[in-house]
């Protein structure tokens, strides 16, 4: 499941990045474009993380924590990147208050993966 979700999120990150670069460039302020770009960067990086979690889960089924790790990364993409995309497209600035929640989900996912890998000796 995580390989499929990671792959779909990678495709979406590429599409959103291209849309930002070509479709929004003339319509958004520099600040809004920066939000969009940051959202795309984090979306892309963490979609690769989802893909890695899926591949690791397939290679090491004993790493039973992969479901929670993937959920954290996916939640982070939705909340962190999603809130930045929304603000760039005109959502109120206070909407950015939820962005750090997505960042915490990213951090939790990566720490969870580190702990799981350490415990399994990988």
PDB file of N, CA and C in Angstrom:
ATOM      1  N   UNK A   1       0.816  -1.196   0.000  1.00  0.00           N
ATOM      2  CA  UNK A   1       0.000   0.000   0.000  1.00  0.00           C
ATOM      3  C   UNK A   1       0.867   1.270   0.000  1.00  0.00           C
ATOM      4  N   UNK A   2       1.955   1.272   0.779  1.00  0.00           N
ATOM      5  CA  UNK A   2       2.781   2.475   0.872  1.00  0.00           C
ATOM      6  C   UNK A   2       3.553   2.745  -0.408  1.00  0.00           C
ATOM      7  N   UNK A   3       3.926   1.693  -1.130  1.00  0.00           N
ATOM      8  CA  UNK A   3       4.584   1.903  -2.420  1.00  0.00           C
ATOM      9  C   UNK A   3       3.609   2.586  -3.380  1.00  0.00           C
ATOM     10  N   UNK A   4       2.374   2.125  -3.411  1.00  0.00           N
ATOM     11  CA  UNK A   4       1.362   2.735  -4.281  1.00  0.00           C
ATOM     12  C   UNK A   4       1.087   4.175  -3.861  1.00  0.00           C
ATOM     13  N   UNK A   5       0.904   4.414  -2.566  1.00  0.00           N
ATOM     14  CA  UNK A   5       0.633   5.779  -2.100  1.00  0.00           C
ATOM     15  C   UNK A   5       1.836   6.696  -2.328  1.00  0.00           C
ATOM     16  N   UNK A   6       3.030   6.159  -2.122  1.00  0.00           N
ATOM     17  CA  UNK A   6       4.226   6.954  -2.385  1.00  0.00           C
ATOM     18  C   UNK A   6       4.344   7.318  -3.850  1.00  0.00           C
ATOM     19  N   UNK A   7       4.088   6.350  -4.719  1.00  0.00           N
ATOM     20  CA  UNK A   7       4.162   6.601  -6.160  1.00  0.00           C
ATOM     21  C   UNK A   7       3.118   7.614  -6.610  1.00  0.00           C
ATOM     22  N   UNK A   8       1.898   7.469  -6.119  1.00  0.00           N
ATOM     23  CA  UNK A   8       0.847   8.439  -6.466  1.00  0.00           C
ATOM     24  C   UNK A   8       1.171   9.831  -5.949  1.00  0.00           C
ATOM     25  N   UNK A   9       1.734   9.909  -4.746  1.00  0.00           N
ATOM     26  CA  UNK A   9       2.115  11.208  -4.207  1.00  0.00           C
ATOM     27  C   UNK A   9       3.285  11.816  -4.960  1.00  0.00           C
ATOM     28  N   UNK A  10       4.186  10.987  -5.457  1.00  0.00           N
ATOM     29  CA  UNK A  10       5.280  11.511  -6.283  1.00  0.00           C
ATOM     30  C   UNK A  10       4.731  12.106  -7.574  1.00  0.00           C
ATOM     31  N   UNK A  11       3.790  11.402  -8.199  1.00  0.00           N
ATOM     32  CA  UNK A  11       3.172  11.932  -9.419  1.00  0.00           C
ATOM     33  C   UNK A  11       2.448  13.236  -9.128  1.00  0.00           C
ATOM     34  N   UNK A  12       1.728  13.286  -8.009  1.00  0.00           N
ATOM     35  CA  UNK A  12       1.012  14.504  -7.637  1.00  0.00           C
ATOM     36  C   UNK A  12       1.976  15.650  -7.341  1.00  0.00           C
ATOM     37  N   UNK A  13       3.081  15.353  -6.669  1.00  0.00           N
ATOM     38  CA  UNK A  13       4.067  16.396  -6.364  1.00  0.00           C
ATOM     39  C   UNK A  13       4.662  16.978  -7.641  1.00  0.00           C
ATOM     40  N   UNK A  14       4.951  16.129  -8.599  1.00  0.00           N
ATOM     41  CA  UNK A  14       5.477  16.615  -9.882  1.00  0.00           C
ATOM     42  C   UNK A  14       4.431  17.481 -10.587  1.00  0.00           C
ATOM     43  N   UNK A  15       3.189  17.008 -10.614  1.00  0.00           N
ATOM     44  CA  UNK A  15       2.123  17.767 -11.276  1.00  0.00           C
ATOM     45  C   UNK A  15       1.896  19.109 -10.595  1.00  0.00           C
ATOM     46  N   UNK A  16       1.876  19.117  -9.256  1.00  0.00           N
ATOM     47  CA  UNK A  16       1.674  20.379  -8.540  1.00  0.00           C
ATOM     48  C   UNK A  16       2.862  21.320  -8.707  1.00  0.00           C
ATOM     49  N   UNK A  17       4.058  20.760  -8.756  1.00  0.00           N
ATOM     50  CA  UNK A  17       5.233  21.592  -8.997  1.00  0.00           C
ATOM     51  C   UNK A  17       5.186  22.234 -10.367  1.00  0.00           C
ATOM     52  N   UNK A  18       4.809  21.465 -11.380  1.00  0.00           N
ATOM     53  CA  UNK A  18       4.693  22.018 -12.734  1.00  0.00           C
ATOM     54  C   UNK A  18       3.580  23.053 -12.810  1.00  0.00           C
ATOM     55  N   UNK A  19       2.460  22.774 -12.136  1.00  0.00           N
ATOM     56  CA  UNK A  19       1.360  23.727 -12.117  1.00  0.00           C
ATOM     57  C   UNK A  19       1.793  25.042 -11.467  1.00  0.00           C
ATOM     58  N   UNK A  20       2.537  24.939 -10.388  1.00  0.00           N
ATOM     59  CA  UNK A  20       3.025  26.145  -9.723  1.00  0.00           C
ATOM     60  C   UNK A  20       3.982  26.934 -10.593  1.00  0.00           C
ATOM     61  N   UNK A  21       4.886  26.212 -11.259  1.00  0.00           N
ATOM     62  CA  UNK A  21       5.898  26.874 -12.083  1.00  0.00           C
ATOM     63  C   UNK A  21       5.314  27.497 -13.342  1.00  0.00           C
ATOM     64  N   UNK A  22       4.296  26.867 -13.899  1.00  0.00           N
ATOM     65  CA  UNK A  22       3.775  27.338 -15.181  1.00  0.00           C
ATOM     66  C   UNK A  22       2.406  27.995 -15.086  1.00  0.00           C
ATOM     67  N   UNK A  23       1.538  27.458 -14.247  1.00  0.00           N
ATOM     68  CA  UNK A  23       0.177  27.980 -14.194  1.00  0.00           C
ATOM     69  C   UNK A  23      -0.043  29.070 -13.173  1.00  0.00           C
ATOM     70  N   UNK A  24       0.775  29.079 -12.120  1.00  0.00           N
ATOM     71  CA  UNK A  24       0.549  30.050 -11.047  1.00  0.00           C
ATOM     72  C   UNK A  24       1.567  31.181 -11.012  1.00  0.00           C
ATOM     73  N   UNK A  25       2.661  31.019 -11.709  1.00  0.00           N
ATOM     74  CA  UNK A  25       3.764  31.973 -11.625  1.00  0.00           C
ATOM     75  C   UNK A  25       3.323  33.414 -11.842  1.00  0.00           C
ATOM     76  N   UNK A  26       2.473  33.651 -12.809  1.00  0.00           N
ATOM     77  CA  UNK A  26       2.046  35.016 -13.125  1.00  0.00           C
ATOM     78  C   UNK A  26       0.879  35.481 -12.256  1.00  0.00           C
ATOM     79  N   UNK A  27       0.301  34.585 -11.476  1.00  0.00           N
ATOM     80  CA  UNK A  27      -0.915  34.921 -10.725  1.00  0.00           C
ATOM     81  C   UNK A  27      -0.700  35.100  -9.234  1.00  0.00           C
ATOM     82  N   UNK A  28       0.407  34.606  -8.709  1.00  0.00           N
ATOM     83  CA  UNK A  28       0.642  34.651  -7.272  1.00  0.00           C
ATOM     84  C   UNK A  28       1.756  35.625  -6.926  1.00  0.00           C
ATOM     85  N   UNK A  29       1.730  36.108  -5.700  1.00  0.00           N
ATOM     86  CA  UNK A  29       2.816  36.963  -5.214  1.00  0.00           C
ATOM     87  C   UNK A  29       4.052  36.100  -4.985  1.00  0.00           C
ATOM     88  N   UNK A  30       5.169  36.747  -4.773  1.00  0.00           N
ATOM     89  CA  UNK A  30       6.407  36.014  -4.489  1.00  0.00           C
ATOM     90  C   UNK A  30       6.258  35.190  -3.213  1.00  0.00           C
ATOM     91  N   UNK A  31       5.575  35.736  -2.222  1.00  0.00           N
ATOM     92  CA  UNK A  31       5.368  35.012  -0.970  1.00  0.00           C
ATOM     93  C   UNK A  31       4.497  33.775  -1.191  1.00  0.00           C
ATOM     94  N   UNK A  32       3.426  33.920  -1.948  1.00  0.00           N
ATOM     95  CA  UNK A  32       2.561  32.787  -2.244  1.00  0.00           C
ATOM     96  C   UNK A  32       3.291  31.712  -3.047  1.00  0.00           C
ATOM     97  N   UNK A  33       4.109  32.126  -3.996  1.00  0.00           N
ATOM     98  CA  UNK A  33       4.903  31.154  -4.766  1.00  0.00           C
ATOM     99  C   UNK A  33       5.909  30.431  -3.873  1.00  0.00           C
ATOM    100  N   UNK A  34       6.454  31.152  -2.900  1.00  0.00           N
ATOM    101  CA  UNK A  34       7.386  30.517  -1.964  1.00  0.00           C
ATOM    102  C   UNK A  34       6.662  29.461  -1.131  1.00  0.00           C
ATOM    103  N   UNK A  35       5.431  29.756  -0.693  1.00  0.00           N
ATOM    104  CA  UNK A  35       4.652  28.761   0.041  1.00  0.00           C
ATOM    105  C   UNK A  35       4.406  27.535  -0.829  1.00  0.00           C
ATOM    106  N   UNK A  36       4.022  27.779  -2.077  1.00  0.00           N
ATOM    107  CA  UNK A  36       3.749  26.678  -3.001  1.00  0.00           C
ATOM    108  C   UNK A  36       5.007  25.821  -3.189  1.00  0.00           C
ATOM    109  N   UNK A  37       6.133  26.501  -3.405  1.00  0.00           N
ATOM    110  CA  UNK A  37       7.395  25.800  -3.625  1.00  0.00           C
ATOM    111  C   UNK A  37       7.776  24.963  -2.400  1.00  0.00           C
ATOM    112  N   UNK A  38       7.627  25.531  -1.209  1.00  0.00           N
ATOM    113  CA  UNK A  38       7.943  24.795   0.013  1.00  0.00           C
ATOM    114  C   UNK A  38       7.030  23.583   0.154  1.00  0.00           C
ATOM    115  N   UNK A  39       5.736  23.779  -0.117  1.00  0.00           N
ATOM    116  CA  UNK A  39       4.796  22.656  -0.070  1.00  0.00           C
ATOM    117  C   UNK A  39       5.207  21.541  -1.012  1.00  0.00           C
ATOM    118  N   UNK A  40       5.603  21.905  -2.233  1.00  0.00           N
ATOM    119  CA  UNK A  40       6.040  20.915  -3.225  1.00  0.00           C
ATOM    120  C   UNK A  40       7.310  20.198  -2.785  1.00  0.00           C
ATOM    121  N   UNK A  41       8.265  20.954  -2.266  1.00  0.00           N
ATOM    122  CA  UNK A  41       9.516  20.335  -1.811  1.00  0.00           C
ATOM    123  C   UNK A  41       9.258  19.273  -0.742  1.00  0.00           C
ATOM    124  N   UNK A  42       8.495  19.648   0.277  1.00  0.00           N
ATOM    125  CA  UNK A  42       8.212  18.709   1.361  1.00  0.00           C
ATOM    126  C   UNK A  42       7.329  17.558   0.885  1.00  0.00           C
ATOM    127  N   UNK A  43       6.412  17.844  -0.008  1.00  0.00           N
ATOM    128  CA  UNK A  43       5.555  16.811  -0.581  1.00  0.00           C
ATOM    129  C   UNK A  43       6.426  15.775  -1.294  1.00  0.00           C
ATOM    130  N   UNK A  44       7.321  16.246  -2.112  1.00  0.00           N
ATOM    131  CA  UNK A  44       8.188  15.363  -2.889  1.00  0.00           C
ATOM    132  C   UNK A  44       9.078  14.520  -1.984  1.00  0.00           C
ATOM    133  N   UNK A  45       9.730  15.150  -1.040  1.00  0.00           N
ATOM    134  CA  UNK A  45      10.649  14.439  -0.146  1.00  0.00           C
ATOM    135  C   UNK A  45       9.920  13.356   0.642  1.00  0.00           C
ATOM    136  N   UNK A  46       8.746  13.692   1.150  1.00  0.00           N
ATOM    137  CA  UNK A  46       8.046  12.739   1.996  1.00  0.00           C
ATOM    138  C   UNK A  46       7.289  11.685   1.194  1.00  0.00           C
ATOM    139  N   UNK A  47       6.981  11.986  -0.059  1.00  0.00           N
ATOM    140  CA  UNK A  47       6.450  10.949  -0.950  1.00  0.00           C
ATOM    141  C   UNK A  47       7.541   9.904  -1.211  1.00  0.00           C
ATOM    142  N   UNK A  48       8.779  10.361  -1.378  1.00  0.00           N
ATOM    143  CA  UNK A  48       9.899   9.417  -1.492  1.00  0.00           C
ATOM    144  C   UNK A  48      10.034   8.597  -0.216  1.00  0.00           C
ATOM    145  N   UNK A  49       9.788   9.247   0.923  1.00  0.00           N
ATOM    146  CA  UNK A  49       9.812   8.525   2.193  1.00  0.00           C
ATOM    147  C   UNK A  49       8.751   7.440   2.247  1.00  0.00           C
ATOM    148  N   UNK A  50       7.545   7.752   1.768  1.00  0.00           N
ATOM    149  CA  UNK A  50       6.482   6.735   1.716  1.00  0.00           C
ATOM    150  C   UNK A  50       6.897   5.558   0.846  1.00  0.00           C
ATOM    151  N   UNK A  51       7.487   5.875  -0.286  1.00  0.00           N
ATOM    152  CA  UNK A  51       7.967   4.825  -1.183  1.00  0.00           C
ATOM    153  C   UNK A  51       9.016   3.961  -0.478  1.00  0.00           C
ATOM    154  N   UNK A  52       9.938   4.604   0.211  1.00  0.00           N
ATOM    155  CA  UNK A  52      10.985   3.869   0.936  1.00  0.00           C
ATOM    156  C   UNK A  52      10.395   3.000   2.040  1.00  0.00           C
ATOM    157  N   UNK A  53       9.410   3.519   2.750  1.00  0.00           N
ATOM    158  CA  UNK A  53       8.765   2.736   3.806  1.00  0.00           C
ATOM    159  C   UNK A  53       8.100   1.501   3.209  1.00  0.00           C
ATOM    160  N   UNK A  54       7.426   1.673   2.084  1.00  0.00           N
ATOM    161  CA  UNK A  54       6.793   0.528   1.428  1.00  0.00           C
ATOM    162  C   UNK A  54       7.796  -0.505   0.972  1.00  0.00           C
ATOM    163  N   UNK A  55       8.894  -0.061   0.384  1.00  0.00           N
ATOM    164  CA  UNK A  55       9.925  -0.996  -0.072  1.00  0.00           C
ATOM    165  C   UNK A  55      10.597  -1.689   1.106  1.00  0.00           C
ATOM    166  N   UNK A  56      10.833  -0.934   2.165  1.00  0.00           N
ATOM    167  CA  UNK A  56      11.427  -1.516   3.370  1.00  0.00           C
ATOM    168  C   UNK A  56      10.482  -2.544   3.996  1.00  0.00           C
ATOM    169  N   UNK A  57       9.188  -2.218   4.028  1.00  0.00           N
ATOM    170  CA  UNK A  57       8.212  -3.162   4.587  1.00  0.00           C
ATOM    171  C   UNK A  57       8.164  -4.453   3.762  1.00  0.00           C
ATOM    172  N   UNK A  58       8.300  -4.332   2.447  1.00  0.00           N
ATOM    173  CA  UNK A  58       8.294  -5.518   1.594  1.00  0.00           C
ATOM    174  C   UNK A  58       9.555  -6.355   1.804  1.00  0.00           C
ATOM    175  N   UNK A  59      10.679  -5.674   1.982  1.00  0.00           N
ATOM    176  CA  UNK A  59      11.949  -6.381   2.153  1.00  0.00           C
ATOM    177  C   UNK A  59      12.123  -6.929   3.567  1.00  0.00           C
ATOM    178  N   UNK A  60      11.552  -6.233   4.541  1.00  0.00           N
ATOM    179  CA  UNK A  60      11.695  -6.609   5.951  1.00  0.00           C
ATOM    180  C   UNK A  60      10.336  -6.650   6.633  1.00  0.00           C
ATOM    181  N   UNK A  61       9.547  -7.701   6.406  1.00  0.00           N
ATOM    182  CA  UNK A  61       8.211  -7.775   7.008  1.00  0.00           C
ATOM    183  C   UNK A  61       8.235  -7.765   8.538  1.00  0.00           C
ATOM    184  N   UNK A  62       9.391  -8.087   9.119  1.00  0.00           N
ATOM    185  CA  UNK A  62       9.501  -8.062  10.577  1.00  0.00           C
ATOM    186  C   UNK A  62       9.489  -6.638  11.129  1.00  0.00           C
ATOM    187  N   UNK A  63       9.619  -5.649  10.265  1.00  0.00           N
ATOM    188  CA  UNK A  63       9.570  -4.253  10.692  1.00  0.00           C
ATOM    189  C   UNK A  63       8.094  -3.837  10.745  1.00  0.00           C
ATOM    190  N   UNK A  64       7.414  -4.306  11.768  1.00  0.00           N
ATOM    191  CA  UNK A  64       5.959  -4.178  11.848  1.00  0.00           C
ATOM    192  C   UNK A  64       5.479  -2.743  12.070  1.00  0.00           C
ATOM    193  N   UNK A  65       6.370  -1.830  12.329  1.00  0.00           N
ATOM    194  CA  UNK A  65       5.959  -0.454  12.599  1.00  0.00           C
ATOM    195  C   UNK A  65       5.741   0.355  11.328  1.00  0.00           C
ATOM    196  N   UNK A  66       5.954  -0.218  10.162  1.00  0.00           N
ATOM    197  CA  UNK A  66       5.890   0.556   8.920  1.00  0.00           C
ATOM    198  C   UNK A  66       4.521   1.191   8.680  1.00  0.00           C
ATOM    199  N   UNK A  67       3.447   0.576   9.143  1.00  0.00           N
ATOM    200  CA  UNK A  67       2.110   1.145   8.941  1.00  0.00           C
ATOM    201  C   UNK A  67       1.987   2.502   9.636  1.00  0.00           C
ATOM    202  N   UNK A  68       2.445   2.577  10.866  1.00  0.00           N
ATOM    203  CA  UNK A  68       2.390   3.850  11.599  1.00  0.00           C
ATOM    204  C   UNK A  68       3.318   4.891  11.004  1.00  0.00           C
ATOM    205  N   UNK A  69       4.475   4.451  10.556  1.00  0.00           N
ATOM    206  CA  UNK A  69       5.435   5.364   9.946  1.00  0.00           C
ATOM    207  C   UNK A  69       4.833   5.974   8.687  1.00  0.00           C
ATOM    208  N   UNK A  70       4.299   5.135   7.832  1.00  0.00           N
ATOM    209  CA  UNK A  70       3.675   5.616   6.598  1.00  0.00           C
ATOM    210  C   UNK A  70       2.524   6.559   6.879  1.00  0.00           C
ATOM    211  N   UNK A  71       1.714   6.231   7.885  1.00  0.00           N
ATOM    212  CA  UNK A  71       0.591   7.091   8.246  1.00  0.00           C
ATOM    213  C   UNK A  71       1.083   8.468   8.674  1.00  0.00           C
ATOM    214  N   UNK A  72       2.159   8.523   9.457  1.00  0.00           N
ATOM    215  CA  UNK A  72       2.717   9.811   9.888  1.00  0.00           C
ATOM    216  C   UNK A  72       3.178  10.633   8.685  1.00  0.00           C
ATOM    217  N   UNK A  73       3.896   9.996   7.760  1.00  0.00           N
ATOM    218  CA  UNK A  73       4.391  10.724   6.588  1.00  0.00           C
ATOM    219  C   UNK A  73       3.244  11.206   5.708  1.00  0.00           C
ATOM    220  N   UNK A  74       2.246  10.362   5.502  1.00  0.00           N
ATOM    221  CA  UNK A  74       1.099  10.755   4.679  1.00  0.00           C
ATOM    222  C   UNK A  74       0.307  11.878   5.347  1.00  0.00           C
ATOM    223  N   UNK A  75       0.115  11.783   6.646  1.00  0.00           N
ATOM    224  CA  UNK A  75      -0.570  12.849   7.386  1.00  0.00           C
ATOM    225  C   UNK A  75       0.204  14.154   7.263  1.00  0.00           C
ATOM    226  N   UNK A  76       1.521  14.074   7.359  1.00  0.00           N
ATOM    227  CA  UNK A  76       2.346  15.263   7.214  1.00  0.00           C
ATOM    228  C   UNK A  76       2.197  15.898   5.845  1.00  0.00           C
ATOM    229  N   UNK A  77       2.161  15.078   4.804  1.00  0.00           N
ATOM    230  CA  UNK A  77       1.974  15.612   3.448  1.00  0.00           C
ATOM    231  C   UNK A  77       0.653  16.363   3.359  1.00  0.00           C
ATOM    232  N   UNK A  78      -0.399  15.733   3.840  1.00  0.00           N
ATOM    233  CA  UNK A  78      -1.730  16.344   3.740  1.00  0.00           C
ATOM    234  C   UNK A  78      -1.798  17.657   4.528  1.00  0.00           C
ATOM    235  N   UNK A  79      -1.315  17.636   5.767  1.00  0.00           N
ATOM    236  CA  UNK A  79      -1.455  18.818   6.617  1.00  0.00           C
ATOM    237  C   UNK A  79      -0.413  19.881   6.283  1.00  0.00           C
ATOM    238  N   UNK A  80       0.871  19.499   6.208  1.00  0.00           N
ATOM    239  CA  UNK A  80       1.930  20.484   5.976  1.00  0.00           C
ATOM    240  C   UNK A  80       1.833  21.055   4.563  1.00  0.00           C
ATOM    241  N   UNK A  81       1.979  20.186   3.588  1.00  0.00           N
ATOM    242  CA  UNK A  81       1.959  20.663   2.204  1.00  0.00           C
ATOM    243  C   UNK A  81       0.580  21.195   1.834  1.00  0.00           C
ATOM    244  N   UNK A  82      -0.462  20.496   2.258  1.00  0.00           N
ATOM    245  CA  UNK A  82      -1.819  20.916   1.934  1.00  0.00           C
ATOM    246  C   UNK A  82      -2.145  22.302   2.452  1.00  0.00           C
ATOM    247  N   UNK A  83      -1.710  22.621   3.661  1.00  0.00           N
ATOM    248  CA  UNK A  83      -1.987  23.958   4.201  1.00  0.00           C
ATOM    249  C   UNK A  83      -1.214  25.030   3.440  1.00  0.00           C
ATOM    250  N   UNK A  84       0.000  24.722   3.019  1.00  0.00           N
ATOM    251  CA  UNK A  84       0.770  25.693   2.232  1.00  0.00           C
ATOM    252  C   UNK A  84       0.162  25.895   0.851  1.00  0.00           C
ATOM    253  N   UNK A  85      -0.281  24.810   0.226  1.00  0.00           N
ATOM    254  CA  UNK A  85      -0.965  24.934  -1.066  1.00  0.00           C
ATOM    255  C   UNK A  85      -2.222  25.791  -0.913  1.00  0.00           C
ATOM    256  N   UNK A  86      -2.981  25.526   0.137  1.00  0.00           N
ATOM    257  CA  UNK A  86      -4.227  26.269   0.356  1.00  0.00           C
ATOM    258  C   UNK A  86      -3.953  27.751   0.577  1.00  0.00           C
ATOM    259  N   UNK A  87      -2.947  28.071   1.386  1.00  0.00           N
ATOM    260  CA  UNK A  87      -2.622  29.483   1.623  1.00  0.00           C
ATOM    261  C   UNK A  87      -2.157  30.155   0.336  1.00  0.00           C
ATOM    262  N   UNK A  88      -1.373  29.451  -0.452  1.00  0.00           N
ATOM    263  CA  UNK A  88      -0.911  30.039  -1.715  1.00  0.00           C
ATOM    264  C   UNK A  88      -2.083  30.347  -2.638  1.00  0.00           C
ATOM    265  N   UNK A  89      -3.131  29.535  -2.548  1.00  0.00           N
ATOM    266  CA  UNK A  89      -4.296  29.726  -3.411  1.00  0.00           C
ATOM    267  C   UNK A  89      -5.344  30.658  -2.808  1.00  0.00           C
ATOM    268  N   UNK A  90      -5.031  31.257  -1.652  1.00  0.00           N
ATOM    269  CA  UNK A  90      -5.919  32.275  -1.112  1.00  0.00           C
ATOM    270  C   UNK A  90      -6.549  31.988   0.230  1.00  0.00           C
ATOM    271  N   UNK A  91      -6.269  30.847   0.835  1.00  0.00           N
ATOM    272  CA  UNK A  91      -6.802  30.588   2.178  1.00  0.00           C
ATOM    273  C   UNK A  91      -6.243  31.642   3.131  1.00  0.00           C
ATOM    274  N   UNK A  92      -6.978  31.976   4.183  1.00  0.00           N
ATOM    275  CA  UNK A  92      -6.496  32.991   5.128  1.00  0.00           C
ATOM    276  C   UNK A  92      -5.151  32.600   5.742  1.00  0.00           C
ATOM    277  N   UNK A  93      -4.355  33.593   6.086  1.00  0.00           N
ATOM    278  CA  UNK A  93      -3.029  33.335   6.657  1.00  0.00           C
ATOM    279  C   UNK A  93      -3.085  32.518   7.938  1.00  0.00           C
ATOM    280  N   UNK A  94      -4.159  32.668   8.708  1.00  0.00           N
ATOM    281  CA  UNK A  94      -4.252  31.899   9.953  1.00  0.00           C
ATOM    282  C   UNK A  94      -4.287  30.399   9.678  1.00  0.00           C
ATOM    283  N   UNK A  95      -4.614  30.030   8.457  1.00  0.00           N
ATOM    284  CA  UNK A  95      -4.618  28.628   8.071  1.00  0.00           C
ATOM    285  C   UNK A  95      -3.231  28.013   8.248  1.00  0.00           C
ATOM    286  N   UNK A  96      -2.222  28.856   8.166  1.00  0.00           N
ATOM    287  CA  UNK A  96      -0.848  28.392   8.358  1.00  0.00           C
ATOM    288  C   UNK A  96      -0.570  27.897   9.763  1.00  0.00           C
ATOM    289  N   UNK A  97      -1.487  28.154  10.685  1.00  0.00           N
ATOM    290  CA  UNK A  97      -1.296  27.690  12.061  1.00  0.00           C
ATOM    291  C   UNK A  97      -1.296  26.167  12.153  1.00  0.00           C
ATOM    292  N   UNK A  98      -1.905  25.486  11.176  1.00  0.00           N
ATOM    293  CA  UNK A  98      -1.908  24.022  11.228  1.00  0.00           C
ATOM    294  C   UNK A  98      -0.680  23.414  10.547  1.00  0.00           C
ATOM    295  N   UNK A  99       0.064  24.227   9.809  1.00  0.00           N
ATOM    296  CA  UNK A  99       1.242  23.725   9.100  1.00  0.00           C
ATOM    297  C   UNK A  99       2.217  23.004  10.032  1.00  0.00           C
ATOM    298  N   UNK A 100       2.527  23.557  11.213  1.00  0.00           N
ATOM    299  CA  UNK A 100       3.462  22.860  12.102  1.00  0.00           C
ATOM    300  C   UNK A 100       2.978  21.488  12.569  1.00  0.00           C
ATOM    301  N   UNK A 101       1.669  21.270  12.583  1.00  0.00           N
ATOM    302  CA  UNK A 101       1.158  19.947  12.949  1.00  0.00           C
ATOM    303  C   UNK A 101       1.636  18.927  11.921  1.00  0.00           C
ATOM    304  N   UNK A 102       1.597  19.300  10.652  1.00  0.00           N
ATOM    305  CA  UNK A 102       2.123  18.431   9.605  1.00  0.00           C
ATOM    306  C   UNK A 102       3.615  18.206   9.767  1.00  0.00           C
ATOM    307  N   UNK A 103       4.335  19.262  10.141  1.00  0.00           N
ATOM    308  CA  UNK A 103       5.769  19.124  10.389  1.00  0.00           C
ATOM    309  C   UNK A 103       6.061  18.155  11.523  1.00  0.00           C
ATOM    310  N   UNK A 104       5.249  18.224  12.569  1.00  0.00           N
ATOM    311  CA  UNK A 104       5.412  17.275  13.677  1.00  0.00           C
ATOM    312  C   UNK A 104       5.121  15.841  13.230  1.00  0.00           C
ATOM    313  N   UNK A 105       4.151  15.673  12.342  1.00  0.00           N
ATOM    314  CA  UNK A 105       3.868  14.335  11.803  1.00  0.00           C
ATOM    315  C   UNK A 105       5.064  13.815  11.009  1.00  0.00           C
ATOM    316  N   UNK A 106       5.697  14.691  10.213  1.00  0.00           N
ATOM    317  CA  UNK A 106       6.908  14.299   9.491  1.00  0.00           C
ATOM    318  C   UNK A 106       7.991  13.840  10.465  1.00  0.00           C
ATOM    319  N   UNK A 107       8.239  14.668  11.471  1.00  0.00           N
ATOM    320  CA  UNK A 107       9.277  14.354  12.454  1.00  0.00           C
ATOM    321  C   UNK A 107       8.967  13.033  13.142  1.00  0.00           C
ATOM    322  N   UNK A 108       7.714  12.845  13.549  1.00  0.00           N
ATOM    323  CA  UNK A 108       7.320  11.606  14.227  1.00  0.00           C
ATOM    324  C   UNK A 108       7.570  10.395  13.331  1.00  0.00           C
ATOM    325  N   UNK A 109       7.231  10.504  12.054  1.00  0.00           N
ATOM    326  CA  UNK A 109       7.450   9.397  11.132  1.00  0.00           C
ATOM    327  C   UNK A 109       8.916   9.029  10.994  1.00  0.00           C
ATOM    328  N   UNK A 110       9.759  10.046  10.845  1.00  0.00           N
ATOM    329  CA  UNK A 110      11.185   9.758  10.675  1.00  0.00           C
ATOM    330  C   UNK A 110      11.816   9.222  11.961  1.00  0.00           C
ATOM    331  N   UNK A 111      11.414   9.764  13.113  1.00  0.00           N
ATOM    332  CA  UNK A 111      11.940   9.250  14.382  1.00  0.00           C
ATOM    333  C   UNK A 111      11.459   7.817  14.597  1.00  0.00           C
ATOM    334  N   UNK A 112      10.197   7.563  14.278  1.00  0.00           N
ATOM    335  CA  UNK A 112       9.635   6.215  14.403  1.00  0.00           C
ATOM    336  C   UNK A 112      10.424   5.230  13.539  1.00  0.00           C
ATOM    337  N   UNK A 113      10.738   5.643  12.316  1.00  0.00           N
ATOM    338  CA  UNK A 113      11.523   4.786  11.434  1.00  0.00           C
ATOM    339  C   UNK A 113      12.925   4.546  12.008  1.00  0.00           C
ATOM    340  N   UNK A 114      13.530   5.601  12.547  1.00  0.00           N
ATOM    341  CA  UNK A 114      14.872   5.457  13.138  1.00  0.00           C
ATOM    342  C   UNK A 114      14.851   4.467  14.307  1.00  0.00           C
ATOM    343  N   UNK A 115      13.843   4.588  15.163  1.00  0.00           N
ATOM    344  CA  UNK A 115      13.738   3.686  16.325  1.00  0.00           C
ATOM    345  C   UNK A 115      13.509   2.252  15.849  1.00  0.00           C
ATOM    346  N   UNK A 116      12.604   2.071  14.885  1.00  0.00           N
ATOM    347  CA  UNK A 116      12.327   0.730  14.364  1.00  0.00           C
ATOM    348  C   UNK A 116      13.561   0.120  13.729  1.00  0.00           C
ATOM    349  N   UNK A 117      14.290   0.907  12.966  1.00  0.00           N
ATOM    350  CA  UNK A 117      15.506   0.411  12.314  1.00  0.00           C
ATOM    351  C   UNK A 117      16.563   0.061  13.367  1.00  0.00           C
ATOM    352  N   UNK A 118      16.691   0.897  14.378  1.00  0.00           N
ATOM    353  CA  UNK A 118      17.660   0.645  15.444  1.00  0.00           C
ATOM    354  C   UNK A 118      17.326  -0.647  16.168  1.00  0.00           C
ATOM    355  N   UNK A 119      16.050  -0.828  16.473  1.00  0.00           N
ATOM    356  CA  UNK A 119      15.630  -2.030  17.199  1.00  0.00           C
ATOM    357  C   UNK A 119      15.854  -3.310  16.380  1.00  0.00           C
ATOM    358  N   UNK A 120      15.727  -3.203  15.077  1.00  0.00           N
ATOM    359  CA  UNK A 120      15.907  -4.377  14.212  1.00  0.00           C
ATOM    360  C   UNK A 120      17.340  -4.514  13.702  1.00  0.00           C
ATOM    361  N   UNK A 121      18.178  -3.562  14.060  1.00  0.00           N
ATOM    362  CA  UNK A 121      19.570  -3.640  13.648  1.00  0.00           C
ATOM    363  C   UNK A 121      19.803  -3.387  12.171  1.00  0.00           C
ATOM    364  N   UNK A 122      18.993  -2.521  11.588  1.00  0.00           N
ATOM    365  CA  UNK A 122      19.185  -2.214  10.163  1.00  0.00           C
ATOM    366  C   UNK A 122      19.539  -0.754   9.974  1.00  0.00           C
TER     367      UNK A 122
END
